[in-house]
Amino acid sequence: MTISAILANHHHDVLTASPHESVGDVVARLAEKRIGALPVVDGMSVVGIFSERDIVYGVAKYGPDFLTKAVADTMTAPAICVTPNTAILSALSLMTKRRIRHLPVITDDALVGFVSIGDLVKHRIEKIEGEAAAMRDYISMA
């Protein structure tokens, strides 16, 4: 299975941040949408990720002035990205090794999706549960 299977179940546009937006505006958007990260996009290209972790580091380093800074000054860059053809297990491995929880999905350097570790784990659990149910059905028929 690939990331494209997960994107097929996402029925919403990808929310993004601009590198020129203020941190305060993006933090408000994260809180309003109850999400943990946004890809930072300049034109069509993903230039970074702005996450809860960046907020914690920024507040520790700059204090309240952090909210007036530009996202470009505080985001994690470059962004680690995958393509729709990336295997789900490969993406999970990448997230584990790099200790990240979100991956922009790109095609031809343009953002086409955004997946979280929760999306990937949910998909894997559903697949494993489906296989277990099929095995139980098979065994009960024998």
C-alpha atoms as a PDB file:
ATOM      1  CA  MET A   1       0.000   0.000   0.000  1.00  0.00           C
ATOM      2  CA  THR A   2       1.124   3.511  -0.766  1.00  0.00           C
ATOM      3  CA  ILE A   3       0.432   7.024   0.493  1.00  0.00           C
ATOM      4  CA  SER A   4      -2.034   7.450  -2.394  1.00  0.00           C
ATOM      5  CA  ALA A   5      -4.410   5.054  -0.570  1.00  0.00           C
ATOM      6  CA  ILE A   6      -4.469   7.404   2.407  1.00  0.00           C
ATOM      7  CA  LEU A   7      -4.893  10.501   0.242  1.00  0.00           C
ATOM      8  CA  ALA A   8      -7.897   8.853  -1.421  1.00  0.00           C
ATOM      9  CA  ASN A   9      -9.665   8.969   1.967  1.00  0.00           C
ATOM     10  CA  HIS A  10      -8.844  12.628   2.628  1.00  0.00           C
ATOM     11  CA  HIS A  11     -11.782  14.706   1.466  1.00  0.00           C
ATOM     12  CA  HIS A  12     -10.511  18.171   2.245  1.00  0.00           C
ATOM     13  CA  ASP A  13      -8.054  20.708   0.939  1.00  0.00           C
ATOM     14  CA  VAL A  14      -4.646  20.856   2.550  1.00  0.00           C
ATOM     15  CA  LEU A  15      -4.303  23.829   4.865  1.00  0.00           C
ATOM     16  CA  THR A  16      -0.983  25.623   4.489  1.00  0.00           C
ATOM     17  CA  ALA A  17       1.011  28.494   5.911  1.00  0.00           C
ATOM     18  CA  SER A  18       2.960  31.127   4.031  1.00  0.00           C
ATOM     19  CA  PRO A  19       6.577  31.807   4.976  1.00  0.00           C
ATOM     20  CA  HIS A  20       5.696  35.507   5.280  1.00  0.00           C
ATOM     21  CA  GLU A  21       2.807  35.073   7.739  1.00  0.00           C
ATOM     22  CA  SER A  22       3.299  35.936  11.362  1.00  0.00           C
ATOM     23  CA  VAL A  23       3.760  33.099  13.800  1.00  0.00           C
ATOM     24  CA  GLY A  24       0.824  34.461  15.808  1.00  0.00           C
ATOM     25  CA  ASP A  25      -1.551  34.140  12.833  1.00  0.00           C
ATOM     26  CA  VAL A  26      -0.444  30.577  12.124  1.00  0.00           C
ATOM     27  CA  VAL A  27      -0.639  29.567  15.786  1.00  0.00           C
ATOM     28  CA  ALA A  28      -4.217  30.878  15.841  1.00  0.00           C
ATOM     29  CA  ARG A  29      -5.041  28.780  12.747  1.00  0.00           C
ATOM     30  CA  LEU A  30      -3.526  25.650  14.307  1.00  0.00           C
ATOM     31  CA  ALA A  31      -5.597  26.213  17.447  1.00  0.00           C
ATOM     32  CA  GLU A  32      -8.800  26.970  15.519  1.00  0.00           C
ATOM     33  CA  LYS A  33      -8.479  23.840  13.363  1.00  0.00           C
ATOM     34  CA  ARG A  34      -7.146  21.737  16.253  1.00  0.00           C
ATOM     35  CA  ILE A  35      -4.198  20.474  14.229  1.00  0.00           C
ATOM     36  CA  GLY A  36      -0.531  20.083  15.067  1.00  0.00           C
ATOM     37  CA  ALA A  37       1.293  21.250  11.951  1.00  0.00           C
ATOM     38  CA  LEU A  38       1.046  22.950   8.589  1.00  0.00           C
ATOM     39  CA  PRO A  39       3.212  22.668   5.522  1.00  0.00           C
ATOM     40  CA  VAL A  40       4.778  26.024   4.658  1.00  0.00           C
ATOM     41  CA  VAL A  41       4.284  26.722   0.973  1.00  0.00           C
ATOM     42  CA  ASP A  42       5.818  29.408  -1.224  1.00  0.00           C
ATOM     43  CA  GLY A  43       4.025  29.394  -4.566  1.00  0.00           C
ATOM     44  CA  MET A  44       3.490  25.681  -5.150  1.00  0.00           C
ATOM     45  CA  SER A  45       6.686  24.512  -3.417  1.00  0.00           C
ATOM     46  CA  VAL A  46       6.899  23.173   0.118  1.00  0.00           C
ATOM     47  CA  VAL A  47       9.664  25.130   1.849  1.00  0.00           C
ATOM     48  CA  GLY A  48       9.175  23.892   5.409  1.00  0.00           C
ATOM     49  CA  ILE A  49       6.883  22.656   8.155  1.00  0.00           C
ATOM     50  CA  PHE A  50       5.538  24.705  11.046  1.00  0.00           C
ATOM     51  CA  SER A  51       4.545  22.522  13.990  1.00  0.00           C
ATOM     52  CA  GLU A  52       3.800  22.518  17.683  1.00  0.00           C
ATOM     53  CA  ARG A  53       7.448  21.664  18.247  1.00  0.00           C
ATOM     54  CA  ASP A  54       8.502  24.883  16.470  1.00  0.00           C
ATOM     55  CA  ILE A  55       6.160  26.817  18.755  1.00  0.00           C
ATOM     56  CA  VAL A  56       7.709  25.320  21.881  1.00  0.00           C
ATOM     57  CA  TYR A  57      11.256  26.037  20.677  1.00  0.00           C
ATOM     58  CA  GLY A  58      10.305  29.564  19.585  1.00  0.00           C
ATOM     59  CA  VAL A  59       8.636  30.511  22.854  1.00  0.00           C
ATOM     60  CA  ALA A  60      11.620  29.160  24.804  1.00  0.00           C
ATOM     61  CA  LYS A  61      14.065  31.125  22.659  1.00  0.00           C
ATOM     62  CA  TYR A  62      12.211  34.409  22.018  1.00  0.00           C
ATOM     63  CA  GLY A  63       9.471  34.634  24.624  1.00  0.00           C
ATOM     64  CA  PRO A  64       6.336  36.597  23.707  1.00  0.00           C
ATOM     65  CA  ASP A  65       8.124  38.322  20.804  1.00  0.00           C
ATOM     66  CA  PHE A  66       8.039  34.973  19.035  1.00  0.00           C
ATOM     67  CA  LEU A  67       4.436  35.594  17.933  1.00  0.00           C
ATOM     68  CA  THR A  68       5.492  38.590  15.829  1.00  0.00           C
ATOM     69  CA  LYS A  69       8.186  36.733  13.895  1.00  0.00           C
ATOM     70  CA  ALA A  70       7.695  35.433  10.358  1.00  0.00           C
ATOM     71  CA  VAL A  71       7.042  31.725   9.944  1.00  0.00           C
ATOM     72  CA  ALA A  72      10.084  31.527   7.617  1.00  0.00           C
ATOM     73  CA  ASP A  73      12.307  32.516  10.548  1.00  0.00           C
ATOM     74  CA  THR A  74      11.065  29.729  12.809  1.00  0.00           C
ATOM     75  CA  MET A  75       9.845  26.822  10.663  1.00  0.00           C
ATOM     76  CA  THR A  76      11.622  23.510  10.293  1.00  0.00           C
ATOM     77  CA  ALA A  77      13.311  23.478   6.904  1.00  0.00           C
ATOM     78  CA  PRO A  78      13.832  21.841   4.583  1.00  0.00           C
ATOM     79  CA  ALA A  79      10.691  19.764   4.838  1.00  0.00           C
ATOM     80  CA  ILE A  80      11.026  16.012   4.600  1.00  0.00           C
ATOM     81  CA  CYS A  81       8.526  14.988   1.927  1.00  0.00           C
ATOM     82  CA  VAL A  82       7.145  11.842   0.322  1.00  0.00           C
ATOM     83  CA  THR A  83       5.312  11.138  -2.934  1.00  0.00           C
ATOM     84  CA  PRO A  84       1.957   9.413  -3.435  1.00  0.00           C
ATOM     85  CA  ASN A  85       3.916   6.325  -4.542  1.00  0.00           C
ATOM     86  CA  THR A  86       5.825   6.042  -1.252  1.00  0.00           C
ATOM     87  CA  ALA A  87       5.004   2.828   0.590  1.00  0.00           C
ATOM     88  CA  ILE A  88       3.145   3.401   3.851  1.00  0.00           C
ATOM     89  CA  LEU A  89       5.651   1.290   5.789  1.00  0.00           C
ATOM     90  CA  SER A  90       8.515   3.327   4.302  1.00  0.00           C
ATOM     91  CA  ALA A  91       6.800   6.552   5.372  1.00  0.00           C
ATOM     92  CA  LEU A  92       6.261   5.173   8.889  1.00  0.00           C
ATOM     93  CA  SER A  93       9.906   4.150   9.059  1.00  0.00           C
ATOM     94  CA  LEU A  94      11.009   7.599   7.890  1.00  0.00           C
ATOM     95  CA  MET A  95       8.828   9.282  10.508  1.00  0.00           C
ATOM     96  CA  THR A  96      10.215   7.043  13.244  1.00  0.00           C
ATOM     97  CA  LYS A  97      13.843   7.537  12.241  1.00  0.00           C
ATOM     98  CA  ARG A  98      13.526  11.306  11.829  1.00  0.00           C
ATOM     99  CA  ARG A  99      11.226  11.723  14.874  1.00  0.00           C
ATOM    100  CA  ILE A 100       8.592  13.629  12.906  1.00  0.00           C
ATOM    101  CA  ARG A 101       4.820  13.334  12.862  1.00  0.00           C
ATOM    102  CA  HIS A 102       3.819  14.977   9.567  1.00  0.00           C
ATOM    103  CA  LEU A 103       4.843  14.561   5.941  1.00  0.00           C
ATOM    104  CA  PRO A 104       3.965  16.760   2.975  1.00  0.00           C
ATOM    105  CA  VAL A 105       3.116  14.702  -0.091  1.00  0.00           C
ATOM    106  CA  ILE A 106       4.477  16.168  -3.309  1.00  0.00           C
ATOM    107  CA  THR A 107       4.285  15.464  -7.009  1.00  0.00           C
ATOM    108  CA  ASP A 108       6.583  17.378  -9.368  1.00  0.00           C
ATOM    109  CA  ASP A 109       7.616  19.632  -6.453  1.00  0.00           C
ATOM    110  CA  ALA A 110       3.980  20.677  -5.839  1.00  0.00           C
ATOM    111  CA  LEU A 111       2.032  19.906  -2.651  1.00  0.00           C
ATOM    112  CA  VAL A 112      -0.713  17.325  -3.256  1.00  0.00           C
ATOM    113  CA  GLY A 113      -1.384  16.193   0.316  1.00  0.00           C
ATOM    114  CA  PHE A 114      -0.308  16.155   3.938  1.00  0.00           C
ATOM    115  CA  VAL A 115      -0.314  13.042   6.122  1.00  0.00           C
ATOM    116  CA  SER A 116       0.222  12.533   9.824  1.00  0.00           C
ATOM    117  CA  ILE A 117       1.569   9.552  11.670  1.00  0.00           C
ATOM    118  CA  GLY A 118      -1.983   9.083  12.955  1.00  0.00           C
ATOM    119  CA  ASP A 119      -3.249   8.729   9.371  1.00  0.00           C
ATOM    120  CA  LEU A 120      -0.643   6.065   8.632  1.00  0.00           C
ATOM    121  CA  VAL A 121      -1.171   4.115  11.850  1.00  0.00           C
ATOM    122  CA  LYS A 122      -4.954   4.194  11.408  1.00  0.00           C
ATOM    123  CA  HIS A 123      -4.604   2.820   7.881  1.00  0.00           C
ATOM    124  CA  ARG A 124      -2.268   0.034   9.046  1.00  0.00           C
ATOM    125  CA  ILE A 125      -4.590  -0.949  11.907  1.00  0.00           C
ATOM    126  CA  GLU A 126      -7.604  -1.067   9.574  1.00  0.00           C
ATOM    127  CA  LYS A 127      -5.649  -3.254   7.148  1.00  0.00           C
ATOM    128  CA  ILE A 128      -4.481  -5.618   9.898  1.00  0.00           C
ATOM    129  CA  GLU A 129      -8.000  -5.856  11.353  1.00  0.00           C
ATOM    130  CA  GLY A 130      -9.374  -6.616   7.883  1.00  0.00           C
ATOM    131  CA  GLU A 131      -6.814  -9.360   7.354  1.00  0.00           C
ATOM    132  CA  ALA A 132      -7.600 -10.853  10.780  1.00  0.00           C
ATOM    133  CA  ALA A 133     -11.336 -10.845  10.016  1.00  0.00           C
ATOM    134  CA  ALA A 134     -10.691 -12.530   6.657  1.00  0.00           C
ATOM    135  CA  MET A 135      -8.555 -15.163   8.380  1.00  0.00           C
ATOM    136  CA  ARG A 136     -11.261 -15.804  11.026  1.00  0.00           C
ATOM    137  CA  ASP A 137     -13.874 -16.162   8.256  1.00  0.00           C
ATOM    138  CA  TYR A 138     -11.630 -18.552   6.356  1.00  0.00           C
ATOM    139  CA  ILE A 139     -10.977 -20.658   9.445  1.00  0.00           C
ATOM    140  CA  SER A 140     -14.659 -20.773  10.399  1.00  0.00           C
ATOM    141  CA  MET A 141     -15.556 -22.092   6.922  1.00  0.00           C
ATOM    142  CA  ALA A 142     -13.097 -24.952   7.166  1.00  0.00           C
END
